[in-house]
Amino acid sequence: MYLNALEWLNELRLICNHGLMHPGKEWQGVLQKASSAGPWNKTKAKQAFATLVDAGSAICKLCQANMATGTGEADSLEHSKPSLSRCMTVICSSCIQNRLNGEQVPGCGCNPACPKAEVSWAPETSNRPAEAGLPTIEEKKVSTKLRTLLQDLKQHEKAEKSVVFSFWTYTLDIIESLLRQHTSIPYARIDGNLSGARREQAIQRFQTDDSVRVILVSITCGGTGLDLTAASRAYLLEPQWNPMIEEQALSPIHRLGQTKEVNTIRYRVRNSFEEKVAMIQDMKRDIAAGAFSSDLPASGLSKSSRLQEFRDAF
């Protein structure tokens, strides 16, 4: 119920980005497929896990580590291989590894136990051409948000380098298509479909090639190990359910070696559901702040508590 509600709400968030509903694979029935009849496999688990991470709910049952923020004993999100049960119970890779020496990893607690699958967030090798599969958007159908982004990138192209973050690769596809159709701005891009070598190549181009003015980044790839200090402008295309994902994504721009003042632009559509997401962000920050004066970890919220967050947002 929690995940199904979250998926419908994510559709509202995507409309804020694109201005219309689209056939993007990331929102179309992801959790319906995940919970439908048939074997539970890595593909279904990865799709469901992406939604959990987005909501800040990918929390290890054993150590209470938040997989999106790297808290607790969990590995960084990108290199971890947690297991996810059909009932959405997460066990992080560190807890799995710690129990391989003869100790059985506890199950989800359901009777009978739900099937589980390993979730890998390591970048996958992709040989697709940069222009392959990009959507074509008529200029009159470009959303207000993306139109504003494009205008701002053009305005600051010569003076500053920019990083554009989005959770959804389909949003990055649209932006990439718009950059090709309506600007002459050279850009780079990194997301989960790139191999490690191609990702490093894209980062180096952005960092060292003065002609490359923009880099598009999947927000789940922006974190530990990246160096994006060539940029002095950062665009967050949508508020995330979990504010720590945003802070992690911005850290490669602010890391040691940054010599310029960094401006962060956060897009929200007025009077839309994005304002509700921002309200939930504030609630989560308050909960996290309260954890310092409490014995209960901030990640120890029950599913019913998270459902209440969504009820409070309306």
Protein backbone atom coordinates (compact mmCIF):
# COMPACT_ATOMS: atom_id res chain seq x y z
CA MET A 1 0.00 0.00 0.00
CA TYR A 2 2.79 2.44 0.94
CA LEU A 3 4.72 1.79 -2.28
CA ASN A 4 1.65 1.89 -4.50
CA ALA A 5 0.71 5.28 -3.04
CA LEU A 6 4.26 6.50 -3.52
CA GLU A 7 4.27 5.45 -7.17
CA TRP A 8 1.09 7.38 -7.92
CA LEU A 9 2.54 10.44 -6.21
CA ASN A 10 5.70 10.10 -8.27
CA GLU A 11 3.55 10.40 -11.38
CA LEU A 12 2.47 13.84 -10.12
CA ARG A 13 6.12 14.77 -9.64
CA LEU A 14 6.97 13.71 -13.20
CA ILE A 15 4.16 15.85 -14.57
CA CYS A 16 5.77 18.81 -12.79
CA ASN A 17 9.01 18.06 -14.67
CA HIS A 18 7.59 17.36 -18.11
CA GLY A 19 4.27 19.15 -18.17
CA LEU A 20 2.53 16.03 -19.47
CA MET A 21 2.25 12.30 -18.98
CA HIS A 22 4.62 10.25 -21.09
CA PRO A 23 5.54 6.64 -21.80
CA GLY A 24 8.67 6.79 -19.68
CA LYS A 25 9.41 3.32 -18.36
CA GLU A 26 10.45 4.54 -14.91
CA TRP A 27 6.98 5.46 -13.66
CA GLN A 28 4.72 3.27 -15.76
CA GLY A 29 3.45 0.49 -13.54
CA VAL A 30 6.77 -0.14 -11.82
CA LEU A 31 5.31 -1.27 -8.55
CA GLN A 32 2.33 -2.96 -10.13
CA LYS A 33 4.85 -5.15 -11.96
CA ALA A 34 6.85 -5.60 -8.77
CA SER A 35 3.86 -6.90 -6.84
CA SER A 36 2.16 -8.77 -9.68
CA ALA A 37 2.04 -12.53 -10.09
CA GLY A 38 5.19 -14.20 -11.31
CA PRO A 39 8.66 -14.80 -9.93
CA TRP A 40 10.38 -12.14 -7.88
CA ASN A 41 13.60 -11.36 -9.73
CA LYS A 42 16.44 -8.84 -9.88
CA THR A 43 14.70 -6.64 -12.42
CA LYS A 44 11.55 -6.25 -10.33
CA ALA A 45 13.60 -5.81 -7.16
CA LYS A 46 15.75 -3.08 -8.71
CA GLN A 47 12.69 -1.15 -9.91
CA ALA A 48 11.06 -1.30 -6.49
CA PHE A 49 14.33 -0.46 -4.74
CA ALA A 50 14.68 2.71 -6.83
CA THR A 51 11.35 3.92 -5.48
CA LEU A 52 12.35 3.06 -1.91
CA VAL A 53 15.60 5.01 -2.28
CA ASP A 54 13.75 7.99 -3.69
CA ALA A 55 11.51 8.04 -0.62
CA GLY A 56 14.39 7.56 1.81
CA SER A 57 12.81 4.25 2.83
CA ALA A 58 15.54 1.83 1.73
CA ILE A 59 16.47 1.03 5.33
CA CYS A 60 18.22 -2.16 6.40
CA LYS A 61 16.06 -4.26 8.72
CA LEU A 62 19.08 -5.36 10.78
CA CYS A 63 21.34 -2.32 11.24
CA GLN A 64 18.82 0.43 10.36
CA ALA A 65 21.25 1.85 7.78
CA ASN A 66 19.67 4.18 5.24
CA MET A 67 20.92 2.99 1.87
CA ALA A 68 20.40 6.39 0.24
CA THR A 69 22.51 8.31 2.74
CA GLY A 70 25.19 5.76 3.58
CA THR A 71 24.42 5.86 7.28
CA GLY A 72 25.10 2.92 9.54
CA GLU A 73 27.09 -0.04 8.28
CA ALA A 74 25.77 0.07 4.71
CA ASP A 75 28.06 0.55 1.76
CA SER A 76 27.64 3.57 -0.46
CA LEU A 77 24.47 3.25 -2.51
CA GLU A 78 26.17 2.82 -5.85
CA HIS A 79 28.49 -0.02 -4.87
CA SER A 80 26.21 -1.87 -2.48
CA LYS A 81 24.33 -5.08 -3.25
CA PRO A 82 21.51 -5.33 -0.73
CA SER A 83 18.74 -7.89 -0.91
CA LEU A 84 15.10 -6.89 -1.27
CA SER A 85 12.18 -9.18 -0.48
CA ARG A 86 8.83 -9.01 -2.24
CA CYS A 87 7.38 -7.51 0.96
CA MET A 88 9.98 -4.69 0.62
CA THR A 89 12.25 -5.82 3.46
CA VAL A 90 15.81 -4.58 2.83
CA ILE A 91 18.99 -6.24 4.13
CA CYS A 92 22.16 -4.26 3.34
CA SER A 93 25.24 -5.92 1.84
CA SER A 94 27.31 -5.30 4.97
CA CYS A 95 24.87 -7.23 7.14
CA ILE A 96 24.75 -10.02 4.56
CA GLN A 97 28.55 -10.22 4.47
CA ASN A 98 28.83 -10.19 8.27
CA ARG A 99 26.57 -13.25 8.46
CA LEU A 100 28.13 -15.37 5.72
CA ASN A 101 30.43 -17.20 8.14
CA GLY A 102 27.94 -19.84 9.22
CA GLU A 103 25.32 -17.46 10.57
CA GLN A 104 22.01 -17.42 8.74
CA VAL A 105 20.77 -14.08 7.46
CA PRO A 106 17.37 -13.40 9.06
CA GLY A 107 14.42 -13.44 6.69
CA CYS A 108 11.74 -10.84 6.20
CA GLY A 109 9.60 -12.16 9.06
CA CYS A 110 6.67 -13.20 6.86
CA ASN A 111 5.25 -16.72 7.04
CA PRO A 112 6.00 -18.20 4.62
CA ALA A 113 9.11 -16.14 3.89
CA CYS A 114 8.89 -13.91 0.83
CA PRO A 115 11.26 -14.47 -2.09
CA LYS A 116 14.19 -12.07 -2.20
CA ALA A 117 16.62 -10.85 -4.84
CA GLU A 118 19.96 -9.06 -4.86
CA VAL A 119 19.84 -5.44 -5.98
CA SER A 120 22.94 -4.12 -7.73
CA TRP A 121 23.38 -0.39 -8.20
CA ALA A 122 26.78 -0.62 -9.86
CA PRO A 123 26.90 1.16 -13.23
CA GLU A 124 26.04 -1.14 -16.11
CA THR A 125 28.05 -1.22 -19.31
CA SER A 126 26.25 0.58 -22.10
CA ASN A 127 27.33 0.89 -25.70
CA ARG A 128 24.38 2.92 -26.92
CA PRO A 129 25.27 6.03 -28.96
CA ALA A 130 24.77 9.30 -27.09
CA GLU A 131 21.92 10.31 -29.40
CA ALA A 132 20.14 6.94 -29.36
CA GLY A 133 16.69 6.75 -27.84
CA LEU A 134 16.37 10.44 -27.02
CA PRO A 135 12.79 11.75 -27.07
CA THR A 136 11.79 14.49 -29.50
CA ILE A 137 9.74 17.22 -27.84
CA GLU A 138 7.91 19.92 -29.79
CA GLU A 139 8.97 23.35 -28.58
CA LYS A 140 5.39 24.33 -27.69
CA LYS A 141 5.12 21.23 -25.46
CA VAL A 142 8.26 21.91 -23.42
CA SER A 143 7.30 22.33 -19.75
CA THR A 144 7.72 25.66 -17.99
CA LYS A 145 10.32 24.14 -15.68
CA LEU A 146 12.52 22.80 -18.47
CA ARG A 147 12.07 25.94 -20.55
CA THR A 148 13.27 28.00 -17.58
CA LEU A 149 16.24 25.67 -17.07
CA LEU A 150 17.23 25.99 -20.72
CA GLN A 151 17.06 29.78 -20.58
CA ASP A 152 19.21 29.86 -17.44
CA LEU A 153 21.83 27.53 -18.90
CA LYS A 154 22.08 29.75 -21.98
CA GLN A 155 22.35 32.88 -19.85
CA HIS A 156 25.23 31.56 -17.72
CA GLU A 157 26.93 29.36 -20.33
CA LYS A 158 29.97 31.58 -20.89
CA ALA A 159 30.58 32.63 -17.29
CA GLU A 160 29.94 29.43 -15.32
CA LYS A 161 29.84 25.65 -15.65
CA SER A 162 26.67 23.95 -14.46
CA VAL A 163 25.54 20.58 -13.07
CA VAL A 164 21.93 19.50 -13.65
CA PHE A 165 20.58 16.81 -11.29
CA SER A 166 17.45 14.72 -11.67
CA PHE A 167 16.31 11.46 -10.12
CA TRP A 168 14.75 10.27 -13.39
CA THR A 169 16.91 9.40 -16.39
CA TYR A 170 13.94 10.12 -18.66
CA THR A 171 14.05 13.73 -17.47
CA LEU A 172 17.76 13.81 -18.32
CA ASP A 173 16.90 12.35 -21.75
CA ILE A 174 14.50 15.23 -22.39
CA ILE A 175 17.04 17.84 -21.25
CA GLU A 176 19.72 16.25 -23.43
CA SER A 177 17.35 16.35 -26.40
CA LEU A 178 16.53 20.01 -25.74
CA LEU A 179 20.22 20.91 -25.51
CA ARG A 180 20.76 19.28 -28.90
CA GLN A 181 17.69 20.83 -30.54
CA HIS A 182 17.71 24.35 -29.17
CA THR A 183 21.26 25.21 -28.05
CA SER A 184 24.87 24.80 -29.07
CA ILE A 185 26.01 24.17 -25.48
CA PRO A 186 28.52 21.28 -25.27
CA TYR A 187 27.62 18.94 -22.41
CA ALA A 188 28.51 15.66 -20.71
CA ARG A 189 26.32 13.17 -18.89
CA ILE A 190 26.66 10.46 -16.24
CA ASP A 191 24.01 7.98 -15.11
CA GLY A 192 23.70 4.37 -14.06
CA ASN A 193 23.91 3.09 -17.64
CA LEU A 194 27.55 4.13 -18.06
CA SER A 195 30.47 1.83 -17.41
CA GLY A 196 33.07 3.06 -14.92
CA ALA A 197 35.49 3.97 -17.71
CA ARG A 198 32.95 5.99 -19.69
CA ARG A 199 31.74 7.72 -16.56
CA GLU A 200 35.27 8.76 -15.63
CA GLN A 201 35.79 9.99 -19.17
CA ALA A 202 32.66 12.15 -18.96
CA ILE A 203 33.74 13.65 -15.63
CA GLN A 204 37.23 14.40 -16.95
CA ARG A 205 35.78 16.13 -20.00
CA PHE A 206 33.65 18.33 -17.78
CA GLN A 207 36.49 19.07 -15.38
CA THR A 208 39.26 19.78 -17.90
CA ASP A 209 37.65 20.75 -21.22
CA ASP A 210 36.69 24.41 -21.04
CA SER A 211 34.25 24.02 -23.92
CA VAL A 212 32.05 21.56 -21.96
CA ARG A 213 29.79 23.86 -19.96
CA VAL A 214 27.09 21.52 -18.60
CA ILE A 215 26.97 18.02 -17.13
CA LEU A 216 23.73 16.08 -16.62
CA VAL A 217 23.84 13.81 -13.57
CA SER A 218 21.48 11.16 -12.25
CA ILE A 219 21.12 12.15 -8.62
CA THR A 220 21.76 8.59 -7.38
CA CYS A 221 25.15 8.69 -9.15
CA GLY A 222 26.15 12.01 -7.64
CA GLY A 223 27.98 11.29 -4.42
CA THR A 224 31.10 9.69 -3.02
CA GLY A 225 34.15 9.76 -5.28
CA LEU A 226 32.99 12.34 -7.81
CA ASP A 227 34.80 15.61 -8.44
CA LEU A 228 32.62 18.28 -10.04
CA THR A 229 34.45 21.33 -8.69
CA ALA A 230 34.68 22.87 -12.17
CA ALA A 231 31.02 23.82 -11.70
CA SER A 232 29.76 26.84 -9.83
CA ARG A 233 26.05 26.37 -10.54
CA ALA A 234 23.91 23.39 -9.52
CA TYR A 235 20.32 22.74 -10.58
CA LEU A 236 18.08 20.34 -8.66
CA LEU A 237 15.22 19.65 -11.06
CA GLU A 238 12.84 18.27 -8.42
CA PRO A 239 12.71 18.03 -4.62
CA GLN A 240 13.50 14.53 -3.36
CA TRP A 241 11.47 12.72 -0.70
CA ASN A 242 14.73 12.30 1.21
CA PRO A 243 16.62 15.62 1.56
CA MET A 244 19.87 13.80 2.31
CA ILE A 245 19.97 12.56 -1.30
CA GLU A 246 20.17 16.18 -2.41
CA GLU A 247 22.94 17.00 0.04
CA GLN A 248 24.96 13.98 -1.08
CA ALA A 249 24.53 14.92 -4.72
CA LEU A 250 25.79 18.46 -4.11
CA SER A 251 28.87 17.39 -2.13
CA PRO A 252 31.12 16.74 -5.21
CA ILE A 253 30.70 20.39 -6.20
CA HIS A 254 31.62 21.70 -2.74
CA ARG A 255 34.53 19.34 -2.10
CA LEU A 256 38.16 20.35 -1.46
CA GLY A 257 39.48 22.20 -4.49
CA GLN A 258 36.40 24.33 -5.08
CA THR A 259 37.55 27.96 -5.37
CA LYS A 260 34.33 29.61 -6.54
CA GLU A 261 31.08 30.52 -4.85
CA VAL A 262 28.48 27.86 -5.70
CA ASN A 263 24.89 28.80 -6.47
CA THR A 264 22.25 26.09 -6.06
CA ILE A 265 18.94 26.48 -7.89
CA ARG A 266 16.09 24.28 -6.66
CA TYR A 267 13.08 24.04 -8.96
CA ARG A 268 9.54 23.71 -7.62
CA VAL A 269 6.30 24.22 -9.51
CA ARG A 270 4.12 26.60 -7.54
CA ASN A 271 0.84 25.19 -6.20
CA SER A 272 1.85 21.68 -7.21
CA PHE A 273 2.61 18.46 -5.36
CA GLU A 274 6.29 19.46 -5.30
CA GLU A 275 5.45 21.91 -2.53
CA LYS A 276 4.09 18.98 -0.52
CA VAL A 277 7.33 17.06 -1.09
CA ALA A 278 9.27 20.06 0.19
CA MET A 279 7.06 20.07 3.29
CA ILE A 280 7.87 16.40 3.87
CA GLN A 281 11.57 17.27 3.49
CA ASP A 282 11.21 19.75 6.35
CA MET A 283 9.48 17.08 8.46
CA LYS A 284 12.32 14.64 7.83
CA ARG A 285 14.93 17.27 8.75
CA ASP A 286 13.08 17.91 12.01
CA ILE A 287 13.01 14.17 12.74
CA ALA A 288 16.73 13.89 11.99
CA ALA A 289 17.51 16.85 14.23
CA GLY A 290 15.46 15.30 17.03
CA ALA A 291 17.45 12.09 16.76
CA PHE A 292 20.44 13.79 18.37
CA SER A 293 18.48 14.15 21.58
CA SER A 294 16.78 10.76 21.43
CA ASP A 295 17.82 7.13 21.72
CA LEU A 296 15.66 6.25 18.71
CA PRO A 297 17.39 6.45 15.32
CA ALA A 298 15.83 8.73 12.70
CA SER A 299 15.75 5.78 10.31
CA GLY A 300 13.62 3.74 12.69
CA LEU A 301 10.31 5.12 11.48
CA SER A 302 7.64 2.52 10.90
CA LYS A 303 5.85 2.11 7.59
CA SER A 304 2.70 3.44 9.23
CA SER A 305 4.60 6.60 10.21
CA ARG A 306 5.69 7.11 6.62
CA LEU A 307 2.14 6.62 5.41
CA GLN A 308 1.09 9.31 7.87
CA GLU A 309 3.63 11.66 6.25
CA PHE A 310 1.77 11.33 2.97
CA ARG A 311 -1.61 11.86 4.66
CA ASP A 312 -0.25 15.02 6.30
CA ALA A 313 0.91 16.31 2.92
CA PHE A 314 -2.65 16.73 1.65
